[in-house]
């Protein structure tokens, strides 16, 4: 029985075919990946739903798959990530179900596997996917908030950032030098190189794609069934050798069910030579997501390292304000955040000005820029009675939107309903 102790921190790896869920609370020393079968390592949850005709209850995962296989009288929905990408509602028994409801139903089922870990409002969750982009971002946030999880406790990151957090929480000896990650999915093995650049503070961690190998049915037919395992082992080691060449590696990680088969065993000796440590696993990304969530909520902090994510914002965004009678810098967006999580909302009062100026400072070069938004004077509004709500959100790594709305001033002045909006391109200038 899982006991409730303080908040629960969840890492959720959402895949098109299979998903996984990991949790941490203070009753456990390390994150625990949930198995669908007690006392086993059956971590994979089929990403699918089933609903019986005439009913409203959703079945998820293995239960949904079983109902489909039994030809139950109902409706089966698989490949939920693809459906989320298409953003097309599902027509079902005279009702139209948006994809956000399908995702919410699946996630609710998965969160039910954590029964006993606490209330929804006590959950912090990190969702990880191979790539994090729209429309996934908006759909995931809506789905999770509809389940009662606070928007402030919802975090998102891609698989490579989950790998970053996973490695940061391993013994330092495993990533003293470079780390190799091989991901086998469907017909392709992709090789990644993880390494830290200690010439900066914090140290910048890079994860680079170094190559890939296609092992499809066409190649298998050409090679022949009897030679297939030997041939793909040879080709895989050739790919690995391109990484080791003139570079020291501390460890090697293999992710994917295909690596659990017999063909990989003859390769292990070569992979683990030169004091390299080798690991095969299924739950690296879901554990990394859990570690990432722990970092965000301050449960387990690893300082001194920053992941150079392709989604990372390289600018500190802020404003100079009078705060408690003193001119101060007010941070709005902190460099190092992923663009899809960068959001800020605040209110302030204009004093002897009809402009709002926002500064941006590049995190490595220190280069500064200012962007000004003109505020149209509001009729019959004296100085210090224009109160504005400002929301700032990023649209990609360099493009951000600023929206200013007149909030009125207490019971003295009602809001004029006016709003001002600008999109600023940090590579260029003002967009509109």
Protein backbone atom coordinates (compact mmCIF):
# COMPACT_ATOMS: atom_id res chain seq x y z
CA UNK A 1 0.00 0.00 0.00
CA UNK A 2 1.32 3.45 -0.95
CA UNK A 3 1.05 5.79 2.03
CA UNK A 4 0.17 9.46 1.72
CA UNK A 5 3.05 11.63 2.84
CA UNK A 6 3.16 15.28 1.83
CA UNK A 7 2.89 16.05 -1.86
CA UNK A 8 3.36 13.60 -4.68
CA UNK A 9 5.70 14.38 -7.57
CA UNK A 10 4.97 12.61 -10.84
CA UNK A 11 6.93 11.98 -14.02
CA UNK A 12 4.69 11.00 -16.94
CA UNK A 13 6.18 9.75 -20.22
CA UNK A 14 3.39 10.09 -22.80
CA UNK A 15 3.93 8.05 -25.95
CA UNK A 16 1.78 7.34 -28.97
CA UNK A 17 1.78 3.57 -28.34
CA UNK A 18 2.84 3.22 -24.70
CA UNK A 19 3.15 5.52 -21.69
CA UNK A 20 4.82 5.23 -18.27
CA UNK A 21 4.31 6.89 -14.91
CA UNK A 22 6.78 7.40 -12.04
CA UNK A 23 6.12 9.00 -8.66
CA UNK A 24 8.05 10.28 -5.68
CA UNK A 25 6.98 11.23 -2.18
CA UNK A 26 8.84 11.26 1.09
CA UNK A 27 7.89 7.69 1.88
CA UNK A 28 10.42 6.62 -0.78
CA UNK A 29 14.12 7.46 -1.17
CA UNK A 30 14.02 7.57 -4.97
CA UNK A 31 11.34 7.84 -7.68
CA UNK A 32 9.35 4.65 -8.25
CA UNK A 33 8.06 3.64 -11.69
CA UNK A 34 4.60 2.13 -11.43
CA UNK A 35 4.15 -1.40 -12.74
CA UNK A 36 0.79 -2.46 -14.14
CA UNK A 37 1.41 -5.90 -12.62
CA UNK A 38 2.38 -5.93 -8.91
CA UNK A 39 5.95 -7.03 -8.08
CA UNK A 40 7.09 -6.99 -11.70
CA UNK A 41 8.64 -4.54 -14.14
CA UNK A 42 5.63 -4.19 -16.47
CA UNK A 43 6.00 -0.44 -16.85
CA UNK A 44 4.37 0.04 -20.27
CA UNK A 45 0.79 1.33 -20.28
CA UNK A 46 -0.87 1.08 -23.70
CA UNK A 47 -1.85 4.62 -24.72
CA UNK A 48 -5.46 3.87 -25.59
CA UNK A 49 -9.06 4.17 -24.44
CA UNK A 50 -12.26 2.14 -24.80
CA UNK A 51 -15.86 3.06 -24.15
CA UNK A 52 -18.78 0.64 -24.22
CA UNK A 53 -21.80 1.63 -26.28
CA UNK A 54 -24.39 3.47 -24.25
CA UNK A 55 -21.97 4.12 -21.37
CA UNK A 56 -19.87 7.12 -20.33
CA UNK A 57 -17.10 5.33 -18.41
CA UNK A 58 -13.66 5.18 -20.05
CA UNK A 59 -11.39 2.12 -19.85
CA UNK A 60 -7.69 2.80 -20.37
CA UNK A 61 -4.44 0.95 -21.01
CA UNK A 62 -4.44 -2.84 -20.79
CA UNK A 63 -8.16 -2.91 -19.94
CA UNK A 64 -8.99 -0.96 -23.09
CA UNK A 65 -6.75 -3.21 -25.18
CA UNK A 66 -8.35 -6.32 -23.72
CA UNK A 67 -11.86 -5.10 -24.55
CA UNK A 68 -10.77 -4.44 -28.12
CA UNK A 69 -9.25 -7.91 -28.43
CA UNK A 70 -12.45 -9.43 -27.07
CA UNK A 71 -14.46 -7.53 -29.71
CA UNK A 72 -16.52 -5.85 -27.00
CA UNK A 73 -19.42 -3.73 -28.20
CA UNK A 74 -17.92 -0.28 -28.02
CA UNK A 75 -15.37 2.19 -29.33
CA UNK A 76 -11.59 1.89 -29.23
CA UNK A 77 -9.21 4.84 -29.51
CA UNK A 78 -5.48 4.24 -29.93
CA UNK A 79 -2.58 6.49 -30.95
CA UNK A 80 -3.85 9.26 -28.69
CA UNK A 81 -0.77 11.41 -29.31
CA UNK A 82 -1.48 11.38 -33.05
CA UNK A 83 -5.09 12.35 -32.36
CA UNK A 84 -3.88 15.16 -30.11
CA UNK A 85 -1.62 16.37 -32.91
CA UNK A 86 -4.50 16.39 -35.41
CA UNK A 87 -6.78 18.25 -32.97
CA UNK A 88 -9.88 16.79 -34.57
CA UNK A 89 -12.81 16.04 -32.25
CA UNK A 90 -14.13 12.48 -32.16
CA UNK A 91 -17.76 11.94 -33.14
CA UNK A 92 -19.26 9.36 -30.79
CA UNK A 93 -22.94 8.50 -30.31
CA UNK A 94 -24.25 11.91 -31.36
CA UNK A 95 -21.66 13.78 -29.28
CA UNK A 96 -18.43 15.45 -30.28
CA UNK A 97 -15.53 14.73 -27.93
CA UNK A 98 -12.51 17.08 -28.19
CA UNK A 99 -9.07 15.50 -28.00
CA UNK A 100 -8.35 17.29 -24.72
CA UNK A 101 -11.08 15.15 -23.11
CA UNK A 102 -9.54 11.96 -24.48
CA UNK A 103 -6.11 12.91 -23.10
CA UNK A 104 -7.68 13.87 -19.76
CA UNK A 105 -9.51 10.52 -19.57
CA UNK A 106 -6.31 8.57 -20.27
CA UNK A 107 -4.25 10.58 -17.78
CA UNK A 108 -6.94 10.23 -15.13
CA UNK A 109 -6.74 6.47 -15.51
CA UNK A 110 -2.95 6.52 -15.19
CA UNK A 111 -3.05 8.80 -12.16
CA UNK A 112 -5.49 6.33 -10.63
CA UNK A 113 -2.56 3.88 -10.46
CA UNK A 114 -1.15 6.19 -7.78
CA UNK A 115 -4.12 5.59 -5.49
CA UNK A 116 -3.20 6.49 -1.94
CA UNK A 117 -0.51 9.08 -2.74
CA UNK A 118 -2.64 12.11 -1.95
CA UNK A 119 -5.17 14.53 -3.41
CA UNK A 120 -4.92 15.96 -6.90
CA UNK A 121 -4.17 19.45 -5.59
CA UNK A 122 -1.08 17.97 -3.88
CA UNK A 123 0.31 16.58 -7.14
CA UNK A 124 3.12 18.19 -9.13
CA UNK A 125 3.57 16.59 -12.55
CA UNK A 126 6.12 16.71 -15.34
CA UNK A 127 4.96 15.37 -18.71
CA UNK A 128 7.68 14.33 -21.14
CA UNK A 129 7.41 13.46 -24.82
CA UNK A 130 9.92 12.94 -27.65
CA UNK A 131 9.20 16.52 -28.73
CA UNK A 132 7.30 19.21 -26.86
CA UNK A 133 5.42 21.57 -29.15
CA UNK A 134 1.98 22.90 -29.94
CA UNK A 135 -0.70 21.60 -29.96
CA UNK A 136 0.64 19.20 -27.30
CA UNK A 137 1.51 22.03 -24.90
CA UNK A 138 -1.93 23.63 -24.74
CA UNK A 139 -3.79 20.31 -24.72
CA UNK A 140 -1.72 18.81 -21.90
CA UNK A 141 -2.13 21.87 -19.68
CA UNK A 142 -5.90 21.97 -20.25
CA UNK A 143 -6.27 18.24 -19.65
CA UNK A 144 -4.34 18.28 -16.38
CA UNK A 145 -6.02 21.39 -14.98
CA UNK A 146 -9.38 19.76 -15.76
CA UNK A 147 -8.30 16.90 -13.48
CA UNK A 148 -7.77 19.28 -10.57
CA UNK A 149 -4.00 19.81 -10.84
CA UNK A 150 -2.91 23.39 -10.32
CA UNK A 151 -1.46 25.07 -13.41
CA UNK A 152 1.50 26.10 -11.24
CA UNK A 153 2.28 22.41 -10.65
CA UNK A 154 2.25 21.36 -14.31
CA UNK A 155 5.62 21.13 -16.08
CA UNK A 156 6.62 20.00 -19.55
CA UNK A 157 9.88 18.88 -21.15
CA UNK A 158 11.08 16.72 -24.03
CA UNK A 159 12.89 13.37 -23.77
CA UNK A 160 16.38 14.82 -23.98
CA UNK A 161 15.76 17.16 -21.05
CA UNK A 162 14.41 14.18 -19.12
CA UNK A 163 17.67 12.37 -19.94
CA UNK A 164 19.56 15.41 -18.62
CA UNK A 165 17.75 15.30 -15.26
CA UNK A 166 18.09 11.52 -15.08
CA UNK A 167 21.89 11.74 -15.50
CA UNK A 168 22.24 14.61 -13.02
CA UNK A 169 20.76 12.32 -10.38
CA UNK A 170 23.10 9.39 -11.07
CA UNK A 171 26.51 8.85 -9.48
CA UNK A 172 28.97 11.41 -10.79
CA UNK A 173 31.33 8.63 -11.89
CA UNK A 174 28.77 7.67 -14.56
CA UNK A 175 29.05 11.04 -16.29
CA UNK A 176 32.58 12.20 -15.50
CA UNK A 177 33.24 12.06 -19.24
CA UNK A 178 30.79 11.70 -22.12
CA UNK A 179 27.65 9.54 -21.92
CA UNK A 180 26.17 7.68 -24.88
CA UNK A 181 22.44 7.16 -25.28
CA UNK A 182 21.09 4.75 -27.89
CA UNK A 183 17.35 4.86 -28.48
CA UNK A 184 15.77 1.98 -30.43
CA UNK A 185 12.25 2.77 -31.60
CA UNK A 186 10.42 0.95 -34.38
CA UNK A 187 13.02 0.45 -37.13
CA UNK A 188 15.60 3.03 -36.07
CA UNK A 189 18.44 3.36 -33.55
CA UNK A 190 19.41 6.95 -32.79
CA UNK A 191 22.70 7.80 -31.04
CA UNK A 192 23.05 10.77 -28.68
CA UNK A 193 26.11 12.24 -26.96
CA UNK A 194 25.77 13.80 -23.47
CA UNK A 195 28.64 15.93 -22.13
CA UNK A 196 29.24 18.93 -19.88
CA UNK A 197 31.25 22.05 -20.71
CA UNK A 198 32.86 23.18 -17.46
CA UNK A 199 34.34 26.39 -18.94
CA UNK A 200 31.18 28.27 -17.98
CA UNK A 201 29.32 28.76 -14.70
CA UNK A 202 26.94 27.08 -14.49
CA UNK A 203 28.42 24.28 -16.57
CA UNK A 204 26.50 23.86 -19.83
CA UNK A 205 25.33 20.33 -20.64
CA UNK A 206 24.97 19.46 -24.31
CA UNK A 207 23.06 16.53 -25.78
CA UNK A 208 23.78 16.09 -29.46
CA UNK A 209 22.38 13.68 -31.99
CA UNK A 210 25.38 11.86 -33.44
CA UNK A 211 23.88 9.45 -35.94
CA UNK A 212 21.21 6.90 -36.65
CA UNK A 213 20.82 3.40 -38.02
CA UNK A 214 17.81 2.04 -39.96
CA UNK A 215 17.01 -1.63 -39.36
CA UNK A 216 13.78 -2.15 -41.28
CA UNK A 217 12.02 -5.16 -42.78
CA UNK A 218 13.49 -4.54 -46.22
CA UNK A 219 17.03 -4.87 -44.83
CA UNK A 220 15.98 -7.91 -42.81
CA UNK A 221 14.68 -9.67 -45.93
CA UNK A 222 17.88 -8.88 -47.79
CA UNK A 223 20.12 -10.15 -44.99
CA UNK A 224 17.98 -13.20 -44.20
CA UNK A 225 16.29 -14.33 -40.99
CA UNK A 226 19.19 -16.58 -39.93
CA UNK A 227 21.76 -13.76 -40.19
CA UNK A 228 19.59 -10.92 -38.96
CA UNK A 229 20.66 -10.76 -35.30
CA UNK A 230 24.34 -10.97 -36.17
CA UNK A 231 24.01 -8.30 -38.87
CA UNK A 232 22.16 -5.75 -36.76
CA UNK A 233 24.63 -6.34 -33.92
CA UNK A 234 27.49 -5.60 -36.30
CA UNK A 235 25.83 -2.48 -37.66
CA UNK A 236 24.98 -1.26 -34.17
CA UNK A 237 28.59 -1.62 -33.00
CA UNK A 238 29.76 0.27 -36.10
CA UNK A 239 27.46 3.13 -35.06
CA UNK A 240 28.79 2.97 -31.50
CA UNK A 241 32.40 3.07 -32.72
CA UNK A 242 31.73 6.41 -34.42
CA UNK A 243 31.02 7.84 -30.96
CA UNK A 244 33.97 6.30 -29.10
CA UNK A 245 36.52 7.45 -31.66
CA UNK A 246 38.95 9.80 -29.83
CA UNK A 247 36.37 10.49 -27.09
CA UNK A 248 36.24 9.04 -23.56
CA UNK A 249 32.85 7.74 -22.40
CA UNK A 250 31.90 6.96 -18.81
CA UNK A 251 28.67 5.09 -19.52
CA UNK A 252 26.27 3.82 -22.15
CA UNK A 253 22.46 3.74 -21.90
CA UNK A 254 20.24 1.62 -24.13
CA UNK A 255 16.55 2.55 -24.29
CA UNK A 256 13.95 0.44 -26.10
CA UNK A 257 12.44 -3.02 -25.87
CA UNK A 258 14.53 -4.28 -28.80
CA UNK A 259 17.62 -3.94 -26.61
CA UNK A 260 16.15 -6.51 -24.22
CA UNK A 261 16.37 -9.25 -26.83
CA UNK A 262 19.12 -11.86 -27.28
CA UNK A 263 20.85 -10.17 -30.24
CA UNK A 264 22.34 -7.43 -28.03
CA UNK A 265 24.18 -9.80 -25.66
CA UNK A 266 27.25 -10.34 -27.92
CA UNK A 267 27.58 -6.52 -28.15
CA UNK A 268 27.75 -5.93 -24.41
CA UNK A 269 31.47 -6.71 -24.05
CA UNK A 270 32.40 -4.08 -26.65
CA UNK A 271 29.98 -1.53 -25.19
CA UNK A 272 31.39 -1.94 -21.69
CA UNK A 273 35.10 -2.00 -22.63
CA UNK A 274 37.50 0.77 -21.55
CA UNK A 275 35.78 0.99 -18.16
CA UNK A 276 32.49 2.09 -19.66
CA UNK A 277 29.38 1.22 -17.64
CA UNK A 278 26.41 -0.15 -19.57
CA UNK A 279 22.71 0.01 -18.72
CA UNK A 280 19.56 -1.24 -20.43
CA UNK A 281 16.21 0.14 -19.32
CA UNK A 282 12.68 1.09 -20.20
CA UNK A 283 11.89 3.84 -17.73
CA UNK A 284 14.73 6.34 -18.18
CA UNK A 285 12.54 9.15 -19.52
CA UNK A 286 9.73 8.82 -16.99
CA UNK A 287 12.26 8.80 -14.13
CA UNK A 288 14.03 11.79 -15.66
CA UNK A 289 10.70 13.59 -15.84
CA UNK A 290 10.12 12.89 -12.15
CA UNK A 291 13.59 14.18 -11.25
CA UNK A 292 12.88 17.27 -13.37
CA UNK A 293 9.65 17.93 -11.47
CA UNK A 294 11.50 17.43 -8.17
CA UNK A 295 14.00 20.08 -9.28
CA UNK A 296 11.23 22.52 -10.24
CA UNK A 297 9.44 22.28 -6.88
CA UNK A 298 12.66 22.34 -4.84
CA UNK A 299 12.44 18.79 -3.54
CA UNK A 300 15.84 17.73 -4.85
CA UNK A 301 18.18 20.39 -6.19
CA UNK A 302 21.27 19.71 -8.28
CA UNK A 303 23.06 23.04 -8.76
CA UNK A 304 25.79 24.10 -11.13
CA UNK A 305 24.47 22.63 -14.42
CA UNK A 306 22.27 24.02 -17.17
CA UNK A 307 20.95 22.01 -20.11
CA UNK A 308 21.45 23.73 -23.46
CA UNK A 309 18.02 22.76 -24.72
CA UNK A 310 16.96 23.75 -28.24
CA UNK A 311 13.82 25.09 -26.49
CA UNK A 312 15.76 27.21 -23.98
CA UNK A 313 15.39 30.99 -23.76
CA UNK A 314 18.78 32.70 -23.71
CA UNK A 315 17.50 36.07 -22.48
CA UNK A 316 16.62 37.50 -19.07
CA UNK A 317 13.50 39.65 -19.48
CA UNK A 318 12.70 42.32 -16.92
CA UNK A 319 11.72 45.89 -16.10
CA UNK A 320 13.07 48.75 -14.04
CA UNK A 321 10.43 49.78 -11.49
CA UNK A 322 9.97 51.75 -8.31
CA UNK A 323 9.39 49.07 -5.69
CA UNK A 324 8.77 50.17 -2.08
CA UNK A 325 10.17 53.61 -2.88
CA UNK A 326 13.40 52.36 -4.50
CA UNK A 327 14.29 51.92 -8.14
CA UNK A 328 14.73 48.19 -8.65
CA UNK A 329 15.00 45.57 -11.37
CA UNK A 330 11.92 43.38 -11.60
CA UNK A 331 12.54 39.97 -13.24
CA UNK A 332 9.82 38.82 -15.63
CA UNK A 333 11.31 35.79 -17.44
CA UNK A 334 14.53 34.07 -16.34
CA UNK A 335 17.01 32.77 -18.94
CA UNK A 336 17.30 28.99 -18.99
CA UNK A 337 13.55 28.39 -19.06
CA UNK A 338 11.93 26.48 -21.90
CA UNK A 339 9.95 28.84 -24.10
CA UNK A 340 6.71 26.88 -23.67
CA UNK A 341 6.88 27.28 -19.89
CA UNK A 342 7.90 30.95 -19.92
CA UNK A 343 4.90 32.94 -18.69
CA UNK A 344 4.54 35.83 -16.28
CA UNK A 345 1.66 37.96 -15.04
CA UNK A 346 1.83 41.06 -12.85
CA UNK A 347 0.17 44.42 -12.18
CA UNK A 348 1.66 47.88 -11.79
CA UNK A 349 0.73 51.57 -11.85
CA UNK A 350 2.07 54.11 -14.36
CA UNK A 351 3.76 57.18 -12.83
CA UNK A 352 4.43 60.20 -15.04
CA UNK A 353 4.74 58.07 -18.16
CA UNK A 354 2.71 56.67 -21.03
CA UNK A 355 5.26 54.01 -21.91
CA UNK A 356 6.23 50.59 -20.66
CA UNK A 357 9.84 49.61 -21.29
CA UNK A 358 11.03 46.00 -21.13
CA UNK A 359 14.70 45.01 -21.08
CA UNK A 360 16.25 41.84 -22.46
CA UNK A 361 19.78 40.68 -21.59
CA UNK A 362 21.47 37.78 -23.38
CA UNK A 363 22.66 35.28 -20.79
CA UNK A 364 26.13 34.59 -22.23
CA UNK A 365 27.17 37.77 -24.07
CA UNK A 366 25.44 40.22 -21.71
CA UNK A 367 24.13 42.13 -24.72
CA UNK A 368 21.22 44.40 -23.71
CA UNK A 369 18.22 45.67 -25.61
CA UNK A 370 15.13 47.69 -24.71
CA UNK A 371 11.66 47.53 -26.22
CA UNK A 372 9.04 50.16 -25.48
CA UNK A 373 5.26 49.88 -25.71
CA UNK A 374 3.33 53.14 -26.00
CA UNK A 375 0.20 53.41 -23.84
CA UNK A 376 -2.56 55.55 -25.28
CA UNK A 377 -3.58 58.15 -22.66
CA UNK A 378 -6.86 57.29 -20.95
CA UNK A 379 -9.29 60.19 -20.82
CA UNK A 380 -9.99 61.79 -17.41
CA UNK A 381 -7.48 59.56 -15.64
CA UNK A 382 -5.03 61.49 -13.36
CA UNK A 383 -1.43 60.39 -12.84
CA UNK A 384 -0.95 57.23 -10.77
CA UNK A 385 -4.46 55.97 -11.47
CA UNK A 386 -3.64 53.87 -14.53
CA UNK A 387 -3.24 50.33 -13.26
CA UNK A 388 -2.15 47.79 -15.85
CA UNK A 389 -2.08 44.01 -15.87
CA UNK A 390 0.80 42.70 -17.93
CA UNK A 391 1.08 39.15 -19.28
CA UNK A 392 4.21 37.95 -21.02
CA UNK A 393 4.48 34.63 -22.84
CA UNK A 394 6.94 33.21 -25.33
CA UNK A 395 5.84 31.89 -28.73
CA UNK A 396 9.23 30.30 -29.48
CA UNK A 397 12.80 30.75 -28.22
CA UNK A 398 13.13 34.31 -29.56
CA UNK A 399 9.58 35.55 -30.03
CA UNK A 400 7.53 36.79 -27.09
CA UNK A 401 4.18 38.49 -26.64
CA UNK A 402 3.41 41.31 -24.22
CA UNK A 403 -0.19 42.20 -23.43
CA UNK A 404 -1.21 45.16 -21.25
CA UNK A 405 -4.79 45.65 -20.01
CA UNK A 406 -6.29 48.59 -18.16
CA UNK A 407 -7.62 47.35 -14.81
CA UNK A 408 -9.23 50.56 -13.64
CA UNK A 409 -8.39 51.95 -10.20
CA UNK A 410 -10.36 50.52 -7.31
CA UNK A 411 -13.81 52.07 -6.90
CA UNK A 412 -12.65 55.41 -8.30
CA UNK A 413 -12.20 54.56 -11.96
CA UNK A 414 -13.65 51.69 -13.91
CA UNK A 415 -11.60 49.91 -16.52
CA UNK A 416 -11.69 51.53 -19.94
CA UNK A 417 -11.48 48.08 -21.52
CA UNK A 418 -8.41 49.16 -23.46
CA UNK A 419 -5.57 46.75 -24.15
CA UNK A 420 -2.21 47.00 -25.89
CA UNK A 421 -0.34 44.07 -27.37
CA UNK A 422 3.07 43.67 -28.96
CA UNK A 423 5.07 40.72 -30.25
CA UNK A 424 8.81 41.25 -29.90
CA UNK A 425 11.43 39.33 -31.85
CA UNK A 426 14.68 39.12 -29.90
CA UNK A 427 16.50 38.32 -33.11
CA UNK A 428 15.06 41.35 -34.81
CA UNK A 429 12.62 43.89 -33.47
CA UNK A 430 8.99 44.61 -32.86
CA UNK A 431 6.58 42.48 -34.88
CA UNK A 432 3.19 44.12 -34.39
